[in-house]
Amino acid sequence: MEEAPMQEKTTTKENHSVVTLLIVGVILTLIAGASGWFFGIWIDQKRILTSDNSKEASVQKSVDRVIGSSHVIALPPIVTNIAEPETAWIRAEIFLVVQSGQTISSILVSDISNDFLAFLHQVTIDQIEGPSGLMNLRADLFDRAKIRSDNKISNILISQLVIEQ
């Protein structure tokens, strides 16, 4: 008979420990959620304050660094099919940045445009795929422009590049 009251005491003790554990778990979860929320707001406000000031300055610096005192010449859009796959077409809008104090004739601009057309006609889609492919394409076109213009071109800017398969 003595065993029955002991079992009741242990079950009530276990029930209290489970309830206590659940309450502690809920309280810790609420504290963690609230602190994460406040930390997220704090980080977001810092990011907004720093991004507003730095974006305008960095864009202006990069434009000044690329163009400087040079002038820009827009080439007519280049549209051609590429080597592989033969059914794919490429359209590119490219700008030439001419060094300051240098002038290039319209004939030279059309020759550079024709060089770009011939080069784009020979590339495959695998060569210009991804960021590294775009960088390689830009470097190849820039080399062609520099050679054709006797180093009068200081940079090229690829405004648009569309490939249709």
N, C-alpha and C. Protein backbone atom coordinates (compact mmCIF):
# COMPACT_ATOMS: atom_id res chain seq x y z
N MET A 1 0.80 -1.19 0.00
CA MET A 1 0.00 0.00 0.00
C MET A 1 0.85 1.26 0.00
N GLU A 2 2.00 1.14 0.52
CA GLU A 2 2.86 2.31 0.57
C GLU A 2 3.40 2.67 -0.82
N GLU A 3 3.44 1.74 -1.70
CA GLU A 3 4.00 1.99 -3.02
C GLU A 3 3.10 2.89 -3.87
N ALA A 4 1.84 2.85 -3.72
CA ALA A 4 0.91 3.65 -4.51
C ALA A 4 1.11 5.14 -4.27
N PRO A 5 1.21 5.66 -3.06
CA PRO A 5 1.43 7.09 -2.89
C PRO A 5 2.79 7.54 -3.44
N MET A 6 3.78 6.71 -3.40
CA MET A 6 5.09 7.09 -3.92
C MET A 6 5.04 7.29 -5.44
N GLN A 7 4.30 6.46 -6.12
CA GLN A 7 4.19 6.60 -7.56
C GLN A 7 3.50 7.90 -7.94
N GLU A 8 2.51 8.31 -7.16
CA GLU A 8 1.83 9.57 -7.44
C GLU A 8 2.77 10.75 -7.25
N LYS A 9 3.62 10.70 -6.24
CA LYS A 9 4.56 11.79 -5.99
C LYS A 9 5.57 11.91 -7.12
N THR A 10 6.07 10.80 -7.64
CA THR A 10 7.06 10.86 -8.71
C THR A 10 6.45 11.35 -10.01
N THR A 11 5.22 10.99 -10.31
CA THR A 11 4.60 11.46 -11.55
C THR A 11 4.30 12.95 -11.48
N THR A 12 3.88 13.45 -10.34
CA THR A 12 3.65 14.89 -10.24
C THR A 12 4.96 15.65 -10.30
N LYS A 13 6.01 15.07 -9.75
CA LYS A 13 7.33 15.70 -9.80
C LYS A 13 7.82 15.74 -11.26
N GLU A 14 7.62 14.66 -12.02
CA GLU A 14 8.01 14.61 -13.43
C GLU A 14 7.18 15.60 -14.25
N ASN A 15 5.90 15.73 -13.96
CA ASN A 15 5.05 16.68 -14.68
C ASN A 15 5.52 18.11 -14.45
N HIS A 16 5.90 18.42 -13.22
CA HIS A 16 6.39 19.77 -12.93
C HIS A 16 7.71 20.04 -13.66
N SER A 17 8.58 19.05 -13.76
CA SER A 17 9.86 19.27 -14.44
C SER A 17 9.65 19.44 -15.94
N VAL A 18 8.71 18.74 -16.53
CA VAL A 18 8.41 18.88 -17.96
C VAL A 18 7.81 20.26 -18.23
N VAL A 19 6.89 20.70 -17.39
CA VAL A 19 6.27 22.01 -17.55
C VAL A 19 7.33 23.10 -17.39
N THR A 20 8.19 22.96 -16.40
CA THR A 20 9.25 23.94 -16.18
C THR A 20 10.18 23.99 -17.39
N LEU A 21 10.55 22.84 -17.92
CA LEU A 21 11.41 22.77 -19.10
C LEU A 21 10.75 23.44 -20.30
N LEU A 22 9.48 23.21 -20.51
CA LEU A 22 8.76 23.85 -21.63
C LEU A 22 8.70 25.36 -21.46
N ILE A 23 8.44 25.83 -20.25
CA ILE A 23 8.38 27.28 -20.00
C ILE A 23 9.73 27.92 -20.26
N VAL A 24 10.79 27.30 -19.77
CA VAL A 24 12.15 27.83 -19.99
C VAL A 24 12.46 27.84 -21.49
N GLY A 25 12.09 26.79 -22.20
CA GLY A 25 12.34 26.73 -23.65
C GLY A 25 11.60 27.82 -24.40
N VAL A 26 10.35 28.08 -24.05
CA VAL A 26 9.56 29.13 -24.70
C VAL A 26 10.16 30.50 -24.40
N ILE A 27 10.56 30.73 -23.16
CA ILE A 27 11.14 32.03 -22.79
C ILE A 27 12.45 32.26 -23.54
N LEU A 28 13.31 31.25 -23.60
CA LEU A 28 14.58 31.38 -24.32
C LEU A 28 14.35 31.60 -25.82
N THR A 29 13.36 30.93 -26.38
CA THR A 29 13.04 31.13 -27.79
C THR A 29 12.57 32.55 -28.06
N LEU A 30 11.72 33.08 -27.19
CA LEU A 30 11.26 34.47 -27.35
C LEU A 30 12.40 35.46 -27.21
N ILE A 31 13.30 35.23 -26.27
CA ILE A 31 14.45 36.13 -26.10
C ILE A 31 15.35 36.07 -27.33
N ALA A 32 15.61 34.88 -27.86
CA ALA A 32 16.45 34.73 -29.04
C ALA A 32 15.80 35.39 -30.26
N GLY A 33 14.50 35.22 -30.43
CA GLY A 33 13.80 35.84 -31.56
C GLY A 33 13.81 37.35 -31.47
N ALA A 34 13.56 37.88 -30.29
CA ALA A 34 13.54 39.34 -30.12
C ALA A 34 14.93 39.93 -30.33
N SER A 35 15.95 39.28 -29.80
CA SER A 35 17.30 39.82 -29.99
C SER A 35 17.72 39.74 -31.46
N GLY A 36 17.34 38.69 -32.16
CA GLY A 36 17.63 38.60 -33.60
C GLY A 36 16.91 39.67 -34.39
N TRP A 37 15.68 39.95 -34.01
CA TRP A 37 14.92 40.99 -34.70
C TRP A 37 15.55 42.36 -34.49
N PHE A 38 15.91 42.69 -33.25
CA PHE A 38 16.55 43.98 -32.97
C PHE A 38 17.91 44.08 -33.66
N PHE A 39 18.67 43.01 -33.67
CA PHE A 39 19.96 43.02 -34.34
C PHE A 39 19.78 43.22 -35.84
N GLY A 40 18.79 42.58 -36.43
CA GLY A 40 18.52 42.75 -37.86
C GLY A 40 18.15 44.18 -38.21
N ILE A 41 17.32 44.81 -37.39
CA ILE A 41 16.95 46.22 -37.63
C ILE A 41 18.18 47.10 -37.51
N TRP A 42 19.01 46.85 -36.52
CA TRP A 42 20.21 47.67 -36.30
C TRP A 42 21.17 47.55 -37.49
N ILE A 43 21.40 46.35 -37.99
CA ILE A 43 22.28 46.13 -39.14
C ILE A 43 21.69 46.77 -40.39
N ASP A 44 20.39 46.64 -40.60
CA ASP A 44 19.75 47.20 -41.78
C ASP A 44 19.85 48.72 -41.79
N GLN A 45 19.69 49.37 -40.66
CA GLN A 45 19.81 50.83 -40.60
C GLN A 45 21.24 51.26 -40.90
N LYS A 46 22.23 50.53 -40.39
CA LYS A 46 23.62 50.87 -40.68
C LYS A 46 23.92 50.70 -42.17
N ARG A 47 23.37 49.63 -42.76
CA ARG A 47 23.62 49.37 -44.18
C ARG A 47 23.00 50.46 -45.04
N ILE A 48 21.82 50.90 -44.72
CA ILE A 48 21.15 51.94 -45.50
C ILE A 48 21.92 53.24 -45.40
N LEU A 49 22.38 53.61 -44.23
CA LEU A 49 23.12 54.85 -44.07
C LEU A 49 24.43 54.84 -44.83
N THR A 50 25.16 53.74 -44.81
CA THR A 50 26.44 53.69 -45.50
C THR A 50 26.27 53.53 -47.00
N SER A 51 25.25 52.82 -47.45
CA SER A 51 25.10 52.58 -48.88
C SER A 51 24.68 53.84 -49.63
N ASP A 52 23.91 54.71 -49.01
CA ASP A 52 23.47 55.92 -49.70
C ASP A 52 24.65 56.82 -50.03
N ASN A 53 25.58 56.97 -49.14
CA ASN A 53 26.71 57.86 -49.37
C ASN A 53 27.75 57.24 -50.28
N SER A 54 28.02 55.98 -50.14
CA SER A 54 29.13 55.37 -50.87
C SER A 54 28.78 55.06 -52.32
N LYS A 55 27.53 54.80 -52.63
CA LYS A 55 27.16 54.45 -54.00
C LYS A 55 27.42 55.60 -54.96
N GLU A 56 26.95 56.77 -54.61
CA GLU A 56 27.11 57.91 -55.50
C GLU A 56 28.58 58.24 -55.71
N ALA A 57 29.36 58.18 -54.67
CA ALA A 57 30.77 58.51 -54.78
C ALA A 57 31.51 57.47 -55.62
N SER A 58 31.22 56.18 -55.42
CA SER A 58 31.93 55.15 -56.17
C SER A 58 31.54 55.16 -57.64
N VAL A 59 30.27 55.43 -57.95
CA VAL A 59 29.86 55.50 -59.35
C VAL A 59 30.55 56.67 -60.04
N GLN A 60 30.59 57.81 -59.38
CA GLN A 60 31.24 58.97 -59.97
C GLN A 60 32.73 58.73 -60.15
N LYS A 61 33.39 58.08 -59.19
CA LYS A 61 34.81 57.79 -59.31
C LYS A 61 35.08 56.84 -60.46
N SER A 62 34.24 55.80 -60.61
CA SER A 62 34.47 54.84 -61.67
C SER A 62 34.24 55.46 -63.04
N VAL A 63 33.24 56.33 -63.17
CA VAL A 63 33.00 57.01 -64.44
C VAL A 63 34.17 57.93 -64.76
N ASP A 64 34.65 58.67 -63.77
CA ASP A 64 35.78 59.56 -64.00
C ASP A 64 37.04 58.77 -64.34
N ARG A 65 37.21 57.61 -63.72
CA ARG A 65 38.39 56.81 -63.98
C ARG A 65 38.37 56.25 -65.40
N VAL A 66 37.20 55.82 -65.87
CA VAL A 66 37.11 55.23 -67.21
C VAL A 66 37.19 56.30 -68.28
N ILE A 67 36.43 57.35 -68.13
CA ILE A 67 36.35 58.36 -69.18
C ILE A 67 37.40 59.44 -69.00
N GLY A 68 37.50 60.00 -67.79
CA GLY A 68 38.47 61.07 -67.55
C GLY A 68 38.19 62.25 -68.46
N SER A 69 39.21 62.71 -69.17
CA SER A 69 39.02 63.83 -70.09
C SER A 69 38.87 63.32 -71.52
N SER A 70 38.62 62.04 -71.68
CA SER A 70 38.45 61.45 -73.00
C SER A 70 37.04 61.70 -73.52
N HIS A 71 36.82 61.30 -74.75
CA HIS A 71 35.46 61.36 -75.28
C HIS A 71 35.05 59.96 -75.76
N VAL A 72 33.75 59.75 -75.81
CA VAL A 72 33.19 58.43 -76.09
C VAL A 72 32.53 58.45 -77.46
N ILE A 73 32.77 57.38 -78.22
CA ILE A 73 32.14 57.22 -79.53
C ILE A 73 31.31 55.95 -79.50
N ALA A 74 30.05 56.08 -79.86
CA ALA A 74 29.16 54.91 -79.89
C ALA A 74 29.24 54.25 -81.26
N LEU A 75 29.51 52.97 -81.24
CA LEU A 75 29.49 52.21 -82.49
C LEU A 75 28.05 51.82 -82.81
N PRO A 76 27.74 51.65 -84.08
CA PRO A 76 26.40 51.16 -84.40
C PRO A 76 26.24 49.74 -83.85
N PRO A 77 25.02 49.35 -83.51
CA PRO A 77 24.82 47.99 -82.97
C PRO A 77 25.32 46.93 -83.95
N ILE A 78 26.00 45.94 -83.41
CA ILE A 78 26.56 44.85 -84.21
C ILE A 78 25.66 43.63 -84.04
N VAL A 79 25.14 43.13 -85.14
CA VAL A 79 24.27 41.95 -85.12
C VAL A 79 24.83 40.94 -86.10
N THR A 80 25.10 39.73 -85.61
CA THR A 80 25.62 38.68 -86.48
C THR A 80 25.32 37.32 -85.85
N ASN A 81 25.43 36.28 -86.68
CA ASN A 81 25.34 34.94 -86.11
C ASN A 81 26.72 34.54 -85.62
N ILE A 82 26.77 33.63 -84.65
CA ILE A 82 28.05 33.21 -84.11
C ILE A 82 28.42 31.85 -84.69
N ALA A 83 29.66 31.43 -84.45
CA ALA A 83 30.17 30.22 -85.09
C ALA A 83 29.43 28.96 -84.64
N GLU A 84 29.22 28.84 -83.34
CA GLU A 84 28.55 27.65 -82.87
C GLU A 84 27.69 27.97 -81.68
N PRO A 85 26.48 27.64 -81.59
CA PRO A 85 25.64 27.01 -82.60
C PRO A 85 25.32 28.01 -83.72
N GLU A 86 25.19 27.49 -84.90
CA GLU A 86 25.00 28.34 -86.07
C GLU A 86 23.67 29.08 -86.08
N THR A 87 22.72 28.59 -85.31
CA THR A 87 21.41 29.25 -85.27
C THR A 87 21.36 30.38 -84.25
N ALA A 88 22.40 30.57 -83.49
CA ALA A 88 22.42 31.61 -82.45
C ALA A 88 22.88 32.94 -83.04
N TRP A 89 22.27 34.00 -82.56
CA TRP A 89 22.61 35.35 -83.00
C TRP A 89 23.11 36.15 -81.81
N ILE A 90 23.97 37.12 -82.09
CA ILE A 90 24.49 37.99 -81.04
C ILE A 90 24.28 39.43 -81.47
N ARG A 91 23.91 40.26 -80.50
CA ARG A 91 23.75 41.70 -80.73
C ARG A 91 24.55 42.41 -79.65
N ALA A 92 25.44 43.31 -80.07
CA ALA A 92 26.30 44.01 -79.12
C ALA A 92 26.28 45.51 -79.42
N GLU A 93 26.19 46.28 -78.35
CA GLU A 93 26.34 47.73 -78.44
C GLU A 93 27.60 48.09 -77.67
N ILE A 94 28.55 48.67 -78.38
CA ILE A 94 29.87 48.93 -77.81
C ILE A 94 30.22 50.40 -77.99
N PHE A 95 30.87 50.96 -76.98
CA PHE A 95 31.35 52.33 -77.01
C PHE A 95 32.86 52.33 -76.96
N LEU A 96 33.48 53.21 -77.73
CA LEU A 96 34.92 53.38 -77.71
C LEU A 96 35.26 54.61 -76.89
N VAL A 97 36.20 54.49 -75.97
CA VAL A 97 36.68 55.64 -75.20
C VAL A 97 38.00 56.05 -75.82
N VAL A 98 38.01 57.23 -76.43
CA VAL A 98 39.19 57.73 -77.12
C VAL A 98 40.02 58.56 -76.14
N GLN A 99 41.34 58.38 -76.18
CA GLN A 99 42.22 59.11 -75.28
C GLN A 99 42.09 60.61 -75.50
N SER A 100 42.34 61.36 -74.44
CA SER A 100 42.21 62.82 -74.55
C SER A 100 43.26 63.35 -75.52
N GLY A 101 42.85 64.30 -76.31
CA GLY A 101 43.73 64.90 -77.30
C GLY A 101 43.82 64.12 -78.60
N GLN A 102 43.21 62.98 -78.67
CA GLN A 102 43.25 62.15 -79.88
C GLN A 102 41.90 62.24 -80.60
N THR A 103 41.95 62.17 -81.88
CA THR A 103 40.73 62.09 -82.68
C THR A 103 40.85 60.90 -83.62
N ILE A 104 39.73 60.30 -83.89
CA ILE A 104 39.72 59.21 -84.86
C ILE A 104 38.65 59.51 -85.90
N SER A 105 38.94 59.11 -87.10
CA SER A 105 38.03 59.41 -88.21
C SER A 105 36.87 58.42 -88.22
N SER A 106 35.86 58.79 -88.97
CA SER A 106 34.70 57.90 -89.10
C SER A 106 35.06 56.63 -89.86
N ILE A 107 36.05 56.71 -90.73
CA ILE A 107 36.50 55.52 -91.45
C ILE A 107 37.14 54.53 -90.47
N LEU A 108 37.94 55.06 -89.54
CA LEU A 108 38.57 54.21 -88.54
C LEU A 108 37.52 53.59 -87.61
N VAL A 109 36.51 54.35 -87.28
CA VAL A 109 35.42 53.83 -86.45
C VAL A 109 34.71 52.69 -87.17
N SER A 110 34.46 52.84 -88.46
CA SER A 110 33.79 51.77 -89.21
C SER A 110 34.71 50.56 -89.36
N ASP A 111 36.03 50.78 -89.49
CA ASP A 111 36.96 49.65 -89.55
C ASP A 111 36.98 48.87 -88.23
N ILE A 112 36.97 49.59 -87.12
CA ILE A 112 36.93 48.93 -85.81
C ILE A 112 35.62 48.16 -85.65
N SER A 113 34.53 48.75 -86.10
CA SER A 113 33.23 48.08 -86.03
C SER A 113 33.23 46.81 -86.88
N ASN A 114 33.84 46.87 -88.06
CA ASN A 114 33.93 45.68 -88.92
C ASN A 114 34.82 44.61 -88.29
N ASP A 115 35.91 45.02 -87.62
CA ASP A 115 36.74 44.06 -86.90
C ASP A 115 35.95 43.36 -85.81
N PHE A 116 35.18 44.13 -85.07
CA PHE A 116 34.35 43.56 -84.02
C PHE A 116 33.34 42.58 -84.60
N LEU A 117 32.74 42.95 -85.74
CA LEU A 117 31.78 42.07 -86.40
C LEU A 117 32.43 40.76 -86.81
N ALA A 118 33.62 40.84 -87.41
CA ALA A 118 34.32 39.63 -87.83
C ALA A 118 34.69 38.76 -86.63
N PHE A 119 35.11 39.39 -85.55
CA PHE A 119 35.48 38.62 -84.36
C PHE A 119 34.26 37.95 -83.74
N LEU A 120 33.16 38.69 -83.62
CA LEU A 120 31.95 38.11 -83.02
C LEU A 120 31.37 37.00 -83.88
N HIS A 121 31.61 37.07 -85.18
CA HIS A 121 31.14 36.02 -86.09
C HIS A 121 31.90 34.71 -85.86
N GLN A 122 33.12 34.79 -85.31
CA GLN A 122 33.95 33.61 -85.11
C GLN A 122 33.84 32.98 -83.73
N VAL A 123 33.26 33.67 -82.76
CA VAL A 123 33.22 33.13 -81.40
C VAL A 123 32.13 32.06 -81.27
N THR A 124 32.33 31.20 -80.30
CA THR A 124 31.30 30.22 -79.96
C THR A 124 30.63 30.67 -78.67
N ILE A 125 29.49 30.10 -78.41
CA ILE A 125 28.75 30.50 -77.21
C ILE A 125 29.49 30.10 -75.94
N ASP A 126 30.29 29.04 -76.01
CA ASP A 126 31.05 28.61 -74.84
C ASP A 126 32.16 29.61 -74.48
N GLN A 127 32.69 30.31 -75.48
CA GLN A 127 33.77 31.26 -75.22
C GLN A 127 33.29 32.51 -74.49
N ILE A 128 32.04 32.87 -74.65
CA ILE A 128 31.56 34.12 -74.04
C ILE A 128 30.54 33.85 -72.93
N GLU A 129 30.51 32.63 -72.44
CA GLU A 129 29.55 32.28 -71.40
C GLU A 129 30.12 32.62 -70.03
N GLY A 130 29.31 33.25 -69.22
CA GLY A 130 29.70 33.55 -67.84
C GLY A 130 30.50 34.83 -67.71
N PRO A 131 30.83 35.20 -66.47
CA PRO A 131 31.58 36.43 -66.22
C PRO A 131 32.98 36.40 -66.82
N SER A 132 33.66 35.27 -66.72
CA SER A 132 35.01 35.21 -67.27
C SER A 132 34.97 35.28 -68.80
N GLY A 133 33.95 34.70 -69.40
CA GLY A 133 33.81 34.80 -70.85
C GLY A 133 33.57 36.22 -71.30
N LEU A 134 32.77 36.96 -70.53
CA LEU A 134 32.52 38.37 -70.86
C LEU A 134 33.80 39.19 -70.71
N MET A 135 34.58 38.91 -69.67
CA MET A 135 35.84 39.63 -69.49
C MET A 135 36.81 39.32 -70.63
N ASN A 136 36.87 38.06 -71.04
CA ASN A 136 37.75 37.69 -72.15
C ASN A 136 37.30 38.33 -73.46
N LEU A 137 35.99 38.37 -73.69
CA LEU A 137 35.45 39.02 -74.89
C LEU A 137 35.82 40.50 -74.90
N ARG A 138 35.64 41.16 -73.77
CA ARG A 138 35.97 42.57 -73.67
C ARG A 138 37.47 42.80 -73.92
N ALA A 139 38.31 41.95 -73.36
CA ALA A 139 39.76 42.08 -73.55
C ALA A 139 40.14 41.87 -75.01
N ASP A 140 39.54 40.87 -75.66
CA ASP A 140 39.84 40.62 -77.07
C ASP A 140 39.40 41.78 -77.95
N LEU A 141 38.20 42.30 -77.71
CA LEU A 141 37.73 43.44 -78.50
C LEU A 141 38.58 44.68 -78.25
N PHE A 142 38.99 44.89 -77.01
CA PHE A 142 39.83 46.04 -76.68
C PHE A 142 41.19 45.93 -77.39
N ASP A 143 41.77 44.72 -77.42
CA ASP A 143 43.04 44.53 -78.13
C ASP A 143 42.89 44.84 -79.61
N ARG A 144 41.80 44.39 -80.21
CA ARG A 144 41.57 44.67 -81.63
C ARG A 144 41.42 46.17 -81.88
N ALA A 145 40.71 46.85 -80.99
CA ALA A 145 40.52 48.30 -81.16
C ALA A 145 41.83 49.05 -80.99
N LYS A 146 42.64 48.65 -80.03
CA LYS A 146 43.93 49.32 -79.81
C LYS A 146 44.85 49.14 -81.01
N ILE A 147 44.90 47.92 -81.54
CA ILE A 147 45.77 47.64 -82.68
C ILE A 147 45.31 48.42 -83.90
N ARG A 148 44.01 48.42 -84.15
CA ARG A 148 43.48 49.10 -85.33
C ARG A 148 43.66 50.62 -85.25
N SER A 149 43.56 51.18 -84.03
CA SER A 149 43.61 52.64 -83.89
C SER A 149 44.99 53.17 -83.51
N ASP A 150 46.00 52.34 -83.49
CA ASP A 150 47.35 52.74 -83.08
C ASP A 150 47.35 53.34 -81.68
N ASN A 151 46.75 52.65 -80.74
CA ASN A 151 46.69 53.02 -79.31
C ASN A 151 45.98 54.34 -79.04
N LYS A 152 45.05 54.72 -79.89
CA LYS A 152 44.25 55.92 -79.62
C LYS A 152 43.04 55.60 -78.74
N ILE A 153 42.68 54.34 -78.66
CA ILE A 153 41.54 53.91 -77.84
C ILE A 153 42.07 53.56 -76.45
N SER A 154 41.49 54.18 -75.42
CA SER A 154 41.94 53.89 -74.06
C SER A 154 41.07 52.84 -73.37
N ASN A 155 39.87 52.61 -73.87
CA ASN A 155 38.99 51.64 -73.23
C ASN A 155 37.81 51.37 -74.16
N ILE A 156 37.13 50.25 -73.93
CA ILE A 156 35.85 50.00 -74.60
C ILE A 156 34.82 49.69 -73.53
N LEU A 157 33.60 50.05 -73.81
CA LEU A 157 32.49 49.78 -72.89
C LEU A 157 31.45 48.97 -73.64
N ILE A 158 31.12 47.81 -73.11
CA ILE A 158 30.07 46.98 -73.71
C ILE A 158 28.78 47.36 -73.01
N SER A 159 27.92 48.05 -73.73
CA SER A 159 26.68 48.53 -73.16
C SER A 159 25.64 47.42 -73.09
N GLN A 160 25.45 46.72 -74.18
CA GLN A 160 24.47 45.64 -74.23
C GLN A 160 25.07 44.46 -74.98
N LEU A 161 24.74 43.28 -74.51
CA LEU A 161 25.18 42.06 -75.17
C LEU A 161 24.04 41.06 -75.05
N VAL A 162 23.43 40.73 -76.18
CA VAL A 162 22.28 39.83 -76.18
C VAL A 162 22.59 38.67 -77.11
N ILE A 163 22.35 37.46 -76.62
CA ILE A 163 22.54 36.26 -77.44
C ILE A 163 21.20 35.55 -77.54
N GLU A 164 20.78 35.29 -78.76
CA GLU A 164 19.51 34.60 -78.99
C GLU A 164 19.81 33.25 -79.61
N GLN A 165 19.29 32.21 -78.99
CA GLN A 165 19.51 30.86 -79.52
C GLN A 165 18.28 30.35 -80.20
